[in-house]
Amino acid sequence: MKTFLLVFDDGSNPEINLRSYVDSLDSGAEMYTLDGHVCFLKSNLSVSDLSGRLFEVFRFQSCFFIVDVSSSEYEGRMLGVFWDFLKPRAFESAAE
């Protein structure tokens, strides 16, 4: 899965239902929301597909920005659950 940074211009927009957006994505997609404006998203879809789904689900004209940060270095001081979300998950063997 790739990790994306998603930023909205107006996180308080009542038309933004992040749960319905994540539910419209691929199986296993997840979102970690910092506030209504900034989210980290895990998905196997491309940036273009994720952007298109935003318009399909919300049908609004708010501005947003999305970027793949999968191979970016990162560091900082955040809660453990944030780092748990960002770290790659090991895949279990199909033979198990």
Protein backbone atom coordinates (compact mmCIF):
# COMPACT_ATOMS: atom_id res chain seq x y z
CA MET A 1 0.00 0.00 0.00
CA LYS A 2 1.11 3.52 -0.69
CA THR A 3 0.77 6.39 1.78
CA PHE A 4 -0.69 9.72 0.68
CA LEU A 5 -1.03 13.14 2.25
CA LEU A 6 -4.46 14.68 1.62
CA VAL A 7 -5.13 18.34 2.44
CA PHE A 8 -8.48 20.13 2.12
CA ASP A 9 -8.91 23.90 1.96
CA ASP A 10 -11.96 23.73 4.27
CA GLY A 11 -12.12 20.74 6.59
CA SER A 12 -15.27 22.10 8.22
CA ASN A 13 -17.24 21.77 4.96
CA PRO A 14 -20.32 19.67 5.87
CA GLU A 15 -20.15 17.97 2.46
CA ILE A 16 -16.88 16.26 3.41
CA ASN A 17 -17.70 12.79 4.76
CA LEU A 18 -14.33 11.10 5.02
CA ARG A 19 -15.80 7.73 6.05
CA SER A 20 -17.81 7.49 2.81
CA TYR A 21 -14.70 8.46 0.85
CA VAL A 22 -12.55 5.73 2.42
CA ASP A 23 -15.37 3.21 1.95
CA SER A 24 -15.36 4.01 -1.78
CA LEU A 25 -11.69 3.07 -2.15
CA ASP A 26 -9.95 -0.28 -2.52
CA SER A 27 -10.17 -3.02 0.07
CA GLY A 28 -7.93 -2.28 3.05
CA ALA A 29 -7.79 1.48 2.45
CA GLU A 30 -7.32 3.43 5.68
CA MET A 31 -7.25 7.07 6.77
CA TYR A 32 -5.61 8.83 9.70
CA THR A 33 -7.05 12.32 10.21
CA LEU A 34 -5.06 15.03 11.98
CA ASP A 35 -7.89 17.55 11.74
CA GLY A 36 -10.56 18.33 9.20
CA HIS A 37 -7.95 19.72 6.83
CA VAL A 38 -5.11 17.19 6.89
CA CYS A 39 -5.27 13.42 6.47
CA PHE A 40 -2.91 10.55 5.74
CA LEU A 41 -4.38 7.87 3.52
CA LYS A 42 -3.23 4.33 2.71
CA SER A 43 -4.43 2.84 -0.55
CA ASN A 44 -3.29 0.84 -3.56
CA LEU A 45 -4.92 3.34 -5.93
CA SER A 46 -3.04 6.02 -7.88
CA VAL A 47 -3.13 9.73 -7.06
CA SER A 48 -5.30 10.24 -10.14
CA ASP A 49 -7.80 7.56 -9.04
CA LEU A 50 -7.94 8.96 -5.49
CA SER A 51 -8.55 12.45 -6.84
CA GLY A 52 -11.32 11.20 -9.13
CA ARG A 53 -13.02 9.41 -6.24
CA LEU A 54 -13.07 12.67 -4.26
CA PHE A 55 -15.22 14.23 -6.97
CA GLU A 56 -17.41 11.12 -7.30
CA VAL A 57 -18.13 10.88 -3.57
CA PHE A 58 -18.35 14.56 -2.58
CA ARG A 59 -19.55 16.27 -5.78
CA PHE A 60 -18.28 19.59 -4.48
CA GLN A 61 -15.87 22.26 -5.62
CA SER A 62 -13.66 22.60 -2.53
CA CYS A 63 -9.94 22.68 -3.20
CA PHE A 64 -7.72 19.81 -2.13
CA PHE A 65 -4.19 18.56 -2.59
CA ILE A 66 -3.05 14.92 -2.61
CA VAL A 67 0.50 13.58 -2.89
CA ASP A 68 2.13 10.15 -2.62
CA VAL A 69 4.55 10.24 0.34
CA SER A 70 5.28 6.50 0.43
CA SER A 71 9.01 6.80 -0.12
CA SER A 72 9.50 10.08 1.74
CA GLU A 73 11.62 10.26 4.85
CA TYR A 74 9.73 11.46 7.89
CA GLU A 75 10.46 12.28 11.47
CA GLY A 76 8.75 14.12 14.27
CA ARG A 77 6.96 14.02 17.57
CA MET A 78 3.49 12.48 17.32
CA LEU A 79 1.30 9.99 19.16
CA GLY A 80 2.15 6.30 18.82
CA VAL A 81 -1.00 5.54 16.86
CA PHE A 82 0.19 7.97 14.16
CA TRP A 83 3.52 6.14 13.77
CA ASP A 84 1.71 2.80 13.80
CA PHE A 85 -0.42 4.03 10.90
CA LEU A 86 2.60 5.16 8.86
CA LYS A 87 4.88 2.16 9.29
CA PRO A 88 4.65 -0.53 6.62
CA ARG A 89 2.87 -3.72 7.55
CA ALA A 90 4.48 -7.10 7.03
CA PHE A 91 2.49 -9.44 4.82
CA GLU A 92 1.77 -12.88 6.23
CA SER A 93 2.78 -15.85 4.12
CA ALA A 94 -0.07 -17.26 2.04
CA ALA A 95 1.02 -20.76 3.12
CA GLU A 96 0.24 -20.04 6.78
